[in-house]
Amino acid sequence: MIKLDKDTLLCIRALENISKVRAKDCIVTENEIIYIVAEDKVGQAVGKGGIHTKKIQTIHKKNVKIIGFSEEPVEFAKKIIGDRIEIKAITLETEATEKHIIVEADYKSHEAIRGKHSKKLKILKDLLKRHHNVADVILK
């Protein structure tokens, strides 16, 4: 079960009230709110011309990112990383009882995946652990 703090619950409520889309999960950082919604609801959550995300940005004074959920861990990892980062391959490896996501990319892409102070990598790991029980994400 995912435990959410008061700030996160307020952000989820904002998305649901503004867009009428139920958030599956939400992560709030210093300057960003990341929502996980059903894959077929991403467009509705963003709103025409980004109107819903802009409203949330105005209310919370943070950037907003909306990611469509996928039952497939590799696809979900790709969506979290985003299509602006060049990835050679993403694979799922299962060892005994643990699952690992292996991300192959060049050094410049590693920096983009990690983010400043490895914050983006931590978010990637947290979301994959919460939703797919992935033990670790390994960059190669």
C-alpha atoms as a PDB file:
ATOM      1  CA  MET A   1       0.000   0.000   0.000  1.00  0.00           C
ATOM      2  CA  ILE A   2       1.247   3.471  -0.911  1.00  0.00           C
ATOM      3  CA  LYS A   3       1.302   6.038   1.917  1.00  0.00           C
ATOM      4  CA  LEU A   4       0.727   9.621   0.843  1.00  0.00           C
ATOM      5  CA  ASP A   5       1.304  12.802   2.840  1.00  0.00           C
ATOM      6  CA  LYS A   6      -1.057  15.773   3.102  1.00  0.00           C
ATOM      7  CA  ASP A   7       0.690  17.745   0.308  1.00  0.00           C
ATOM      8  CA  THR A   8       0.455  14.809  -2.084  1.00  0.00           C
ATOM      9  CA  LEU A   9      -3.225  14.275  -1.272  1.00  0.00           C
ATOM     10  CA  LEU A  10      -3.924  17.958  -1.992  1.00  0.00           C
ATOM     11  CA  CYS A  11      -2.189  17.652  -5.372  1.00  0.00           C
ATOM     12  CA  ILE A  12      -4.176  14.520  -6.234  1.00  0.00           C
ATOM     13  CA  ARG A  13      -7.397  16.274  -5.256  1.00  0.00           C
ATOM     14  CA  ALA A  14      -6.499  19.232  -7.494  1.00  0.00           C
ATOM     15  CA  LEU A  15      -6.001  16.971 -10.525  1.00  0.00           C
ATOM     16  CA  GLU A  16      -9.216  15.064  -9.859  1.00  0.00           C
ATOM     17  CA  ASN A  17     -11.298  18.222  -9.308  1.00  0.00           C
ATOM     18  CA  ILE A  18      -9.895  20.060 -12.342  1.00  0.00           C
ATOM     19  CA  SER A  19      -9.697  17.241 -14.897  1.00  0.00           C
ATOM     20  CA  LYS A  20     -12.140  14.663 -13.457  1.00  0.00           C
ATOM     21  CA  VAL A  21      -9.383  12.046 -13.870  1.00  0.00           C
ATOM     22  CA  ARG A  22      -8.501   9.723 -10.996  1.00  0.00           C
ATOM     23  CA  ALA A  23      -4.793   9.708 -10.163  1.00  0.00           C
ATOM     24  CA  LYS A  24      -3.290   6.266  -9.621  1.00  0.00           C
ATOM     25  CA  ASP A  25      -0.274   7.804  -7.855  1.00  0.00           C
ATOM     26  CA  CYS A  26       1.470  11.125  -7.328  1.00  0.00           C
ATOM     27  CA  ILE A  27       4.960  12.219  -6.352  1.00  0.00           C
ATOM     28  CA  VAL A  28       5.581  15.783  -5.206  1.00  0.00           C
ATOM     29  CA  THR A  29       9.108  17.207  -5.242  1.00  0.00           C
ATOM     30  CA  GLU A  30      10.446  20.713  -4.563  1.00  0.00           C
ATOM     31  CA  ASN A  31       9.616  21.922  -8.068  1.00  0.00           C
ATOM     32  CA  GLU A  32       7.530  19.218  -9.745  1.00  0.00           C
ATOM     33  CA  ILE A  33       4.337  17.207  -9.378  1.00  0.00           C
ATOM     34  CA  ILE A  34       4.282  13.865 -11.182  1.00  0.00           C
ATOM     35  CA  TYR A  35       0.922  12.191 -11.656  1.00  0.00           C
ATOM     36  CA  ILE A  36       0.338   8.611 -12.739  1.00  0.00           C
ATOM     37  CA  VAL A  37      -3.037   8.136 -14.438  1.00  0.00           C
ATOM     38  CA  ALA A  38      -4.678   5.458 -16.551  1.00  0.00           C
ATOM     39  CA  GLU A  39      -3.062   5.362 -19.983  1.00  0.00           C
ATOM     40  CA  ASP A  40      -6.315   6.213 -21.761  1.00  0.00           C
ATOM     41  CA  LYS A  41      -6.889   9.250 -19.483  1.00  0.00           C
ATOM     42  CA  VAL A  42      -3.620  11.148 -20.100  1.00  0.00           C
ATOM     43  CA  GLY A  43      -5.194  13.500 -22.675  1.00  0.00           C
ATOM     44  CA  GLN A  44      -8.141  14.266 -20.412  1.00  0.00           C
ATOM     45  CA  ALA A  45      -5.797  14.879 -17.455  1.00  0.00           C
ATOM     46  CA  VAL A  46      -3.644  17.309 -19.474  1.00  0.00           C
ATOM     47  CA  GLY A  47      -6.684  19.041 -20.968  1.00  0.00           C
ATOM     48  CA  LYS A  48      -7.076  20.769 -24.297  1.00  0.00           C
ATOM     49  CA  GLY A  49      -3.982  22.887 -24.909  1.00  0.00           C
ATOM     50  CA  GLY A  50      -2.667  21.818 -21.495  1.00  0.00           C
ATOM     51  CA  ILE A  51      -5.314  23.817 -19.655  1.00  0.00           C
ATOM     52  CA  HIS A  52      -5.583  21.404 -16.711  1.00  0.00           C
ATOM     53  CA  THR A  53      -1.840  21.113 -16.144  1.00  0.00           C
ATOM     54  CA  LYS A  54      -1.498  24.903 -16.403  1.00  0.00           C
ATOM     55  CA  LYS A  55      -4.179  25.390 -13.719  1.00  0.00           C
ATOM     56  CA  ILE A  56      -2.427  22.967 -11.391  1.00  0.00           C
ATOM     57  CA  GLN A  57       0.919  24.690 -12.067  1.00  0.00           C
ATOM     58  CA  THR A  58      -0.651  28.028 -11.146  1.00  0.00           C
ATOM     59  CA  ILE A  59      -2.220  26.660  -7.944  1.00  0.00           C
ATOM     60  CA  HIS A  60       0.837  24.760  -6.676  1.00  0.00           C
ATOM     61  CA  LYS A  61       3.581  26.815  -8.373  1.00  0.00           C
ATOM     62  CA  LYS A  62       5.319  23.652  -9.610  1.00  0.00           C
ATOM     63  CA  ASN A  63       5.843  21.995 -12.973  1.00  0.00           C
ATOM     64  CA  VAL A  64       3.360  19.229 -13.713  1.00  0.00           C
ATOM     65  CA  LYS A  65       4.111  15.953 -15.474  1.00  0.00           C
ATOM     66  CA  ILE A  66       1.401  13.413 -16.283  1.00  0.00           C
ATOM     67  CA  ILE A  67       2.418   9.840 -17.075  1.00  0.00           C
ATOM     68  CA  GLY A  68       0.174   7.082 -18.381  1.00  0.00           C
ATOM     69  CA  PHE A  69       0.365   3.887 -16.357  1.00  0.00           C
ATOM     70  CA  SER A  70       1.381   0.618 -18.020  1.00  0.00           C
ATOM     71  CA  GLU A  71       0.997  -2.896 -16.610  1.00  0.00           C
ATOM     72  CA  GLU A  72       4.286  -3.753 -18.342  1.00  0.00           C
ATOM     73  CA  PRO A  73       7.304  -2.632 -16.222  1.00  0.00           C
ATOM     74  CA  VAL A  74       9.547  -1.919 -19.234  1.00  0.00           C
ATOM     75  CA  GLU A  75       6.882   0.221 -20.928  1.00  0.00           C
ATOM     76  CA  PHE A  76       6.184   2.029 -17.653  1.00  0.00           C
ATOM     77  CA  ALA A  77       9.917   2.753 -17.245  1.00  0.00           C
ATOM     78  CA  LYS A  78      10.040   4.164 -20.808  1.00  0.00           C
ATOM     79  CA  LYS A  79       7.115   6.470 -20.036  1.00  0.00           C
ATOM     80  CA  ILE A  80       8.687   7.716 -16.816  1.00  0.00           C
ATOM     81  CA  ILE A  81      12.037   8.389 -18.527  1.00  0.00           C
ATOM     82  CA  GLY A  82      10.285  10.084 -21.446  1.00  0.00           C
ATOM     83  CA  ASP A  83      10.897  10.066 -25.176  1.00  0.00           C
ATOM     84  CA  ARG A  84      13.289  13.047 -25.160  1.00  0.00           C
ATOM     85  CA  ILE A  85      16.092  10.947 -23.692  1.00  0.00           C
ATOM     86  CA  GLU A  86      17.932   8.595 -26.041  1.00  0.00           C
ATOM     87  CA  ILE A  87      17.831   5.045 -24.739  1.00  0.00           C
ATOM     88  CA  LYS A  88      19.555   2.101 -26.447  1.00  0.00           C
ATOM     89  CA  ALA A  89      17.514  -0.550 -24.610  1.00  0.00           C
ATOM     90  CA  ILE A  90      15.428  -1.169 -21.509  1.00  0.00           C
ATOM     91  CA  THR A  91      15.080  -4.740 -20.273  1.00  0.00           C
ATOM     92  CA  LEU A  92      13.586  -6.547 -17.309  1.00  0.00           C
ATOM     93  CA  GLU A  93      15.714  -9.152 -15.559  1.00  0.00           C
ATOM     94  CA  THR A  94      14.299 -11.494 -12.948  1.00  0.00           C
ATOM     95  CA  GLU A  95      16.611 -13.146 -10.444  1.00  0.00           C
ATOM     96  CA  ALA A  96      14.992 -15.553  -7.980  1.00  0.00           C
ATOM     97  CA  THR A  97      12.471 -13.259  -6.265  1.00  0.00           C
ATOM     98  CA  GLU A  98      13.779  -9.873  -7.439  1.00  0.00           C
ATOM     99  CA  LYS A  99      13.120  -7.902 -10.597  1.00  0.00           C
ATOM    100  CA  HIS A 100      15.579  -5.373 -12.021  1.00  0.00           C
ATOM    101  CA  ILE A 101      15.191  -2.897 -14.868  1.00  0.00           C
ATOM    102  CA  ILE A 102      18.364  -2.453 -16.938  1.00  0.00           C
ATOM    103  CA  VAL A 103      18.593   0.826 -18.866  1.00  0.00           C
ATOM    104  CA  GLU A 104      21.276   0.973 -21.558  1.00  0.00           C
ATOM    105  CA  ALA A 105      22.176   4.464 -22.719  1.00  0.00           C
ATOM    106  CA  ASP A 106      25.171   6.651 -23.475  1.00  0.00           C
ATOM    107  CA  TYR A 107      26.795   8.786 -20.766  1.00  0.00           C
ATOM    108  CA  LYS A 108      24.919  11.985 -21.700  1.00  0.00           C
ATOM    109  CA  SER A 109      21.596  10.134 -21.380  1.00  0.00           C
ATOM    110  CA  HIS A 110      22.709   8.724 -18.006  1.00  0.00           C
ATOM    111  CA  GLU A 111      22.998  12.293 -16.728  1.00  0.00           C
ATOM    112  CA  ALA A 112      19.496  13.122 -17.971  1.00  0.00           C
ATOM    113  CA  ILE A 113      18.013   9.956 -16.440  1.00  0.00           C
ATOM    114  CA  ARG A 114      19.714  10.603 -13.077  1.00  0.00           C
ATOM    115  CA  GLY A 115      18.837  14.282 -12.937  1.00  0.00           C
ATOM    116  CA  LYS A 116      20.358  16.761 -10.513  1.00  0.00           C
ATOM    117  CA  HIS A 117      21.481  14.968  -7.334  1.00  0.00           C
ATOM    118  CA  SER A 118      20.016  11.713  -8.796  1.00  0.00           C
ATOM    119  CA  LYS A 119      16.465  12.907  -8.012  1.00  0.00           C
ATOM    120  CA  LYS A 120      14.970  11.680 -11.305  1.00  0.00           C
ATOM    121  CA  LEU A 121      16.544   8.251 -10.881  1.00  0.00           C
ATOM    122  CA  LYS A 122      15.111   8.023  -7.360  1.00  0.00           C
ATOM    123  CA  ILE A 123      11.629   8.851  -8.692  1.00  0.00           C
ATOM    124  CA  LEU A 124      12.020   6.219 -11.433  1.00  0.00           C
ATOM    125  CA  LYS A 125      13.033   3.618  -8.844  1.00  0.00           C
ATOM    126  CA  ASP A 126      10.243   4.598  -6.428  1.00  0.00           C
ATOM    127  CA  LEU A 127       7.504   4.403  -9.074  1.00  0.00           C
ATOM    128  CA  LEU A 128       8.733   1.063 -10.439  1.00  0.00           C
ATOM    129  CA  LYS A 129       8.951  -0.364  -6.919  1.00  0.00           C
ATOM    130  CA  ARG A 130       5.466   0.890  -5.963  1.00  0.00           C
ATOM    131  CA  HIS A 131       3.692  -0.360  -9.061  1.00  0.00           C
ATOM    132  CA  HIS A 132       5.742  -3.325 -10.308  1.00  0.00           C
ATOM    133  CA  ASN A 133       7.794  -4.434  -7.304  1.00  0.00           C
ATOM    134  CA  VAL A 134      11.052  -3.766  -9.181  1.00  0.00           C
ATOM    135  CA  ALA A 135      13.948  -3.957  -6.713  1.00  0.00           C
ATOM    136  CA  ASP A 136      16.390  -1.734  -8.616  1.00  0.00           C
ATOM    137  CA  VAL A 137      17.084   0.229 -11.789  1.00  0.00           C
ATOM    138  CA  ILE A 138      20.579  -0.247 -13.207  1.00  0.00           C
ATOM    139  CA  LEU A 139      22.111   2.184 -15.706  1.00  0.00           C
ATOM    140  CA  LYS A 140      24.621   0.715 -18.178  1.00  0.00           C
END
